[in-house]
N, C-alpha and C. Protein backbone atom coordinates (compact mmCIF):
# COMPACT_ATOMS: atom_id res chain seq x y z
N UNK A 1 8.02 -35.07 -15.10
CA UNK A 1 9.40 -35.00 -15.27
C UNK A 1 9.85 -34.15 -16.44
N UNK A 2 9.52 -34.83 -17.38
CA UNK A 2 9.91 -34.37 -18.89
C UNK A 2 9.20 -32.94 -19.00
N UNK A 3 7.80 -32.89 -18.31
CA UNK A 3 7.12 -31.61 -18.53
C UNK A 3 7.91 -30.30 -17.74
N UNK A 4 8.45 -30.62 -16.52
CA UNK A 4 9.07 -29.78 -15.86
C UNK A 4 10.22 -29.13 -16.54
N UNK A 5 11.07 -30.14 -17.15
CA UNK A 5 12.19 -29.77 -17.68
C UNK A 5 12.08 -29.15 -19.14
N UNK A 6 11.03 -29.32 -20.01
CA UNK A 6 10.43 -28.63 -21.15
C UNK A 6 9.93 -27.12 -20.66
N UNK A 7 9.25 -27.02 -19.57
CA UNK A 7 8.69 -25.94 -19.03
C UNK A 7 10.04 -24.81 -18.74
N UNK A 8 11.03 -25.44 -17.87
CA UNK A 8 12.25 -24.55 -17.66
C UNK A 8 12.97 -24.13 -18.68
N UNK A 9 13.09 -25.09 -19.78
CA UNK A 9 13.81 -24.80 -20.89
C UNK A 9 13.14 -23.70 -21.84
N UNK A 10 11.78 -23.93 -21.96
CA UNK A 10 11.02 -22.69 -22.55
C UNK A 10 11.11 -21.45 -22.03
N UNK A 11 11.25 -21.38 -20.34
CA UNK A 11 11.38 -20.10 -20.08
C UNK A 11 12.75 -19.48 -19.96
N UNK A 12 13.75 -20.46 -20.18
CA UNK A 12 15.13 -19.98 -20.17
C UNK A 12 15.35 -19.41 -21.58
N UNK A 13 14.74 -20.10 -22.89
CA UNK A 13 14.93 -19.69 -23.95
C UNK A 13 14.36 -18.35 -24.20
N UNK A 14 13.08 -18.31 -23.86
CA UNK A 14 12.11 -17.14 -23.97
C UNK A 14 12.62 -15.96 -23.07
N UNK A 15 13.39 -16.05 -21.86
CA UNK A 15 14.05 -14.81 -21.02
C UNK A 15 15.25 -14.71 -21.37
N UNK A 16 15.96 -15.25 -21.77
CA UNK A 16 17.58 -15.03 -22.23
C UNK A 16 17.99 -13.84 -22.95
N UNK A 17 17.01 -13.64 -23.78
CA UNK A 17 17.33 -12.03 -24.31
C UNK A 17 17.17 -11.01 -23.60
N UNK A 18 16.44 -10.94 -22.36
CA UNK A 18 16.27 -9.92 -21.55
C UNK A 18 17.64 -9.62 -20.86
N UNK A 19 18.65 -10.85 -20.71
CA UNK A 19 19.87 -10.36 -20.25
C UNK A 19 20.59 -9.33 -21.09
N UNK A 20 20.39 -9.34 -22.35
CA UNK A 20 20.85 -8.17 -23.24
C UNK A 20 20.88 -6.68 -22.49
N UNK A 21 19.86 -6.51 -21.68
CA UNK A 21 19.89 -5.19 -20.81
C UNK A 21 21.35 -5.03 -20.08
N UNK A 22 21.85 -5.83 -19.49
CA UNK A 22 23.04 -6.09 -19.00
C UNK A 22 24.62 -6.03 -19.83
N UNK A 23 24.50 -6.11 -21.02
CA UNK A 23 25.47 -6.37 -21.65
C UNK A 23 25.79 -5.14 -22.48
N UNK A 24 27.23 -5.07 -23.01
CA UNK A 24 27.58 -3.79 -23.75
C UNK A 24 28.20 -4.41 -24.93
N UNK A 25 27.74 -3.99 -26.12
CA UNK A 25 28.23 -4.58 -27.37
C UNK A 25 27.86 -3.43 -28.50
N UNK A 26 28.69 -3.45 -29.21
CA UNK A 26 28.25 -2.43 -30.61
C UNK A 26 28.88 -1.01 -30.06
N UNK A 27 28.13 -0.01 -30.74
CA UNK A 27 28.49 1.16 -30.84
C UNK A 27 27.42 1.86 -29.74
N UNK A 28 27.88 2.71 -29.28
CA UNK A 28 26.98 3.55 -28.25
C UNK A 28 25.95 4.56 -28.98
N UNK A 29 24.83 4.36 -28.71
CA UNK A 29 23.69 5.40 -29.47
C UNK A 29 23.96 6.65 -29.47
N UNK A 30 24.93 7.24 -28.38
CA UNK A 30 25.19 8.64 -28.30
C UNK A 30 26.44 8.82 -28.91
N UNK A 31 27.07 7.77 -29.65
CA UNK A 31 28.59 8.08 -29.98
C UNK A 31 28.54 9.14 -31.12
N UNK A 32 27.52 9.28 -31.93
CA UNK A 32 27.56 10.52 -32.91
C UNK A 32 27.92 11.81 -31.99
N UNK A 33 27.63 11.95 -30.83
CA UNK A 33 27.90 13.11 -29.91
C UNK A 33 29.20 12.88 -29.52
N UNK A 34 29.87 12.04 -29.51
CA UNK A 34 31.37 11.91 -28.87
C UNK A 34 31.22 11.19 -27.44
N UNK A 35 30.07 10.78 -27.19
CA UNK A 35 29.67 10.13 -25.79
C UNK A 35 30.00 8.38 -25.99
N UNK A 36 30.84 7.80 -25.49
CA UNK A 36 31.03 6.40 -25.61
C UNK A 36 30.70 5.63 -24.47
N UNK A 37 30.26 6.31 -23.44
CA UNK A 37 29.79 5.38 -22.27
C UNK A 37 28.13 5.60 -22.08
N UNK A 38 27.78 5.97 -23.19
CA UNK A 38 26.15 6.00 -22.93
C UNK A 38 25.57 4.53 -23.33
N UNK A 39 24.14 4.75 -23.45
CA UNK A 39 23.41 3.57 -23.50
C UNK A 39 23.70 2.74 -25.04
N UNK A 40 23.94 1.60 -25.06
CA UNK A 40 24.04 1.01 -26.32
C UNK A 40 22.60 0.17 -27.01
N UNK A 41 22.64 0.10 -28.30
CA UNK A 41 21.50 -0.38 -29.04
C UNK A 41 21.24 -1.90 -28.48
N UNK A 42 22.00 -2.41 -28.24
CA UNK A 42 21.49 -3.71 -27.54
C UNK A 42 20.99 -3.73 -26.28
N UNK A 43 21.06 -2.64 -25.42
CA UNK A 43 20.63 -2.51 -24.08
C UNK A 43 18.96 -2.01 -24.55
N UNK A 44 18.80 -1.36 -25.68
CA UNK A 44 17.72 -0.57 -25.92
C UNK A 44 16.76 -1.97 -26.34
N UNK A 45 17.11 -2.65 -27.13
CA UNK A 45 16.51 -3.83 -27.68
C UNK A 45 16.22 -4.92 -26.58
N UNK A 46 16.94 -5.07 -25.54
CA UNK A 46 16.80 -5.98 -24.43
C UNK A 46 15.60 -5.21 -23.51
N UNK A 47 15.57 -3.82 -23.42
CA UNK A 47 14.51 -3.37 -22.50
C UNK A 47 13.10 -3.36 -23.46
N UNK A 48 13.02 -3.14 -24.33
CA UNK A 48 12.02 -3.10 -25.34
C UNK A 48 11.30 -4.68 -25.40
N UNK A 49 12.25 -5.82 -25.45
CA UNK A 49 11.77 -7.21 -25.38
C UNK A 49 11.19 -7.29 -24.02
N UNK A 50 11.90 -6.95 -23.00
CA UNK A 50 11.34 -6.90 -21.51
C UNK A 50 9.91 -6.58 -21.39
N UNK A 51 9.72 -5.31 -21.95
CA UNK A 51 8.63 -4.49 -21.76
C UNK A 51 7.38 -5.30 -22.60
N UNK A 52 7.73 -5.75 -23.75
CA UNK A 52 6.85 -6.62 -24.45
C UNK A 52 6.55 -7.99 -23.79
N UNK A 53 7.50 -8.64 -23.19
CA UNK A 53 7.01 -9.69 -22.40
C UNK A 53 6.20 -9.60 -21.01
N UNK A 54 6.49 -8.27 -20.45
CA UNK A 54 5.66 -7.91 -19.32
C UNK A 54 4.32 -7.62 -19.81
N UNK A 55 4.25 -7.04 -20.93
CA UNK A 55 2.95 -6.56 -21.22
C UNK A 55 2.09 -7.81 -21.94
N UNK A 56 2.77 -8.53 -22.83
CA UNK A 56 1.84 -9.79 -23.54
C UNK A 56 2.51 -11.11 -23.12
N UNK A 57 2.77 -11.25 -21.96
CA UNK A 57 3.08 -12.64 -21.28
C UNK A 57 2.19 -13.60 -21.59
N UNK A 58 1.08 -13.63 -21.44
CA UNK A 58 -0.02 -14.64 -21.79
C UNK A 58 -0.04 -15.09 -23.12
N UNK A 59 0.40 -14.28 -24.23
CA UNK A 59 0.61 -14.66 -25.51
C UNK A 59 1.80 -15.64 -25.90
N UNK A 60 2.85 -15.26 -25.13
CA UNK A 60 4.19 -16.24 -25.46
C UNK A 60 4.27 -17.26 -24.45
N UNK A 61 3.63 -17.18 -23.15
CA UNK A 61 3.95 -18.39 -22.27
C UNK A 61 2.75 -19.01 -21.98
N UNK A 62 2.65 -20.44 -22.75
CA UNK A 62 1.42 -21.08 -22.52
C UNK A 62 0.90 -21.07 -20.94
N UNK A 63 -0.24 -21.47 -20.93
CA UNK A 63 -0.84 -21.76 -19.41
C UNK A 63 -0.22 -22.91 -18.76
N UNK A 64 0.05 -24.19 -19.52
CA UNK A 64 0.90 -25.31 -18.89
C UNK A 64 1.86 -25.06 -18.55
N UNK A 65 2.78 -24.01 -19.04
CA UNK A 65 4.19 -23.66 -18.53
C UNK A 65 4.20 -22.62 -17.28
N UNK A 66 2.95 -21.88 -17.22
CA UNK A 66 2.83 -21.07 -16.14
C UNK A 66 2.76 -21.81 -14.82
N UNK A 67 1.64 -22.94 -15.15
CA UNK A 67 1.32 -23.74 -14.17
C UNK A 67 2.16 -24.53 -13.61
N UNK A 68 3.09 -25.04 -14.36
CA UNK A 68 4.31 -26.01 -14.11
C UNK A 68 5.19 -25.25 -13.23
N UNK A 69 5.45 -23.98 -13.73
CA UNK A 69 6.59 -23.35 -13.06
C UNK A 69 6.06 -22.69 -11.52
N UNK A 70 4.87 -22.58 -11.40
CA UNK A 70 4.04 -21.94 -10.02
C UNK A 70 3.92 -23.18 -9.44
N UNK A 71 3.89 -24.41 -10.01
CA UNK A 71 3.65 -25.46 -8.81
C UNK A 71 5.13 -25.90 -8.40
N UNK A 72 6.18 -25.76 -9.21
CA UNK A 72 7.58 -25.84 -8.75
C UNK A 72 8.00 -24.82 -7.80
N UNK A 73 7.77 -23.44 -7.97
CA UNK A 73 7.98 -22.39 -7.05
C UNK A 73 7.28 -22.83 -5.73
N UNK A 74 6.06 -23.06 -5.82
CA UNK A 74 5.23 -23.32 -4.52
C UNK A 74 5.81 -24.76 -3.86
N UNK A 75 6.15 -25.60 -4.48
CA UNK A 75 6.78 -26.84 -3.83
C UNK A 75 8.10 -26.42 -2.97
N UNK A 76 8.65 -25.64 -3.32
CA UNK A 76 9.89 -25.13 -2.74
C UNK A 76 9.84 -24.44 -1.44
């Protein structure tokens, strides 16, 4: 039971910055051109972090976490 909770907490902390894609904060990257509704720097950082996780997920997520989460998904 502790292993499942720790695996879920690991995934939550690791993937929480991916939610920055949906947030709006700071100044627009196109603000110098007078466009205030453009993409924000926070969105760019979130997209780059998500791309990093998609490419190198085996380096950041240990095998036992992947196995535990896969087991929980298959049980449901």
